[in-house]
Amino acid sequence: MTVSSNDLSPVTQSAVARFLDSDIVYSFKQSKVTIVAAIVTLLMMCGAFFAPWITAQNPFDLATLDLMESLMPPVWMEGGEARFPLGTDGQGRDIFSVILYGSRLSLMVGFSSIILAGAVGISLGILAGYVGGRTDAIIMRIADVQLTFPSILIALLIDGTVHSLFPQLIREDSAFWVLVLSIGMSFWVQYARTVRGSTLVERNKEYVQAARVIGVSTFTIMVRHILPNVLGPVLVITTINLALAIILEATLSFLGVGIPPTQPSLGTLIRIGNDFLFSGEWWITFFPGAALATLALSVNLLGDWLRDALNPKLR
């Protein structure tokens, strides 16, 4: 017996209707700031993803660059051209194109590092909260020690340690993944502490006790039963940490230990433009800096809204 799409459509429509009537959607519609932040974030992500089809040139393709077009001002200033609405940098690269390509790298580093931090933190948090005892003590003491240092120092330490193990010739090839590792391992503590606290509550509930009685393995209980019930706070942490990861990546790249200049992210663009700031070419660093601030602020506002929307005390 087959089920036609007409038979499923009422169920689908009912699910969509329940979602549209949920507290989260209502909270989203009531916050104009959140709506604007969501639109800005979506536009910047789409612009970064579709950069090859939007931009006038590929700033990573040296064949498309012309040094005679370097240091051109924005289009509304004297000497500007419509082809380069935000001007060009010292290598003749279109600032608008470089921002979109740089945003793509920044977002890739941000998402990858948050996925790594979440995977490590959630795994260790569930393990510490469910097993307890010496395992819990060791994991939490490591987390406490790491919390005494700022995230940027942890990232710099990991970055320097990993880079010292690679030959000089392959440093640029490994820079992206080293940066992801550095940022990811500096953020896992927040996930671990949050998930551990939720796991301590969940492990004493009836459904976990019932799973133990019928002989379900410890690994299955942690993955199938406890994990889905501790992911609510993790979503909020992930959204907020995404903005922090993007800013941390920009800071590391500005310091010269992040993405290499041959593949500039927003932080690298700001560092490159800083060399031209006092000579009058302010647009090289201003527009990438404005793009970074706008992206981080929008993601942060979404994280703040999600935290309030998922907080039952504020409903």
Foldseek 3Di string as FASTA:
>chain_A
DDDDPVNCVVVVVVVVVCVCPDLLVVLCVVDPLLVVLVVLLVVLVVCLVCLVVPAPDQQLDLVPWDQVQALAAAQVDPRHDPNQRHGHHNGRHRLVSLLSLQQNLLLVLLVLLLVLLLVVLLVLQLCCQQVPDPSVVVVVVVLVVLVVDDLLVQLVVQLVVVLVVDDPVCCLVCQSVSNSVSNNVSRNSVSNVQLSVQNNVVCPDDVNVVCVVVPNDPVCCSPPPSVVVSCLVVVLVSLLSSLVSSVSQLVCLLVPSHNHPSRHHLSVQLNSVVVCCVVPSVSSNVVSVVSSVSNSVSSNVNSVSSVLSSDPVND
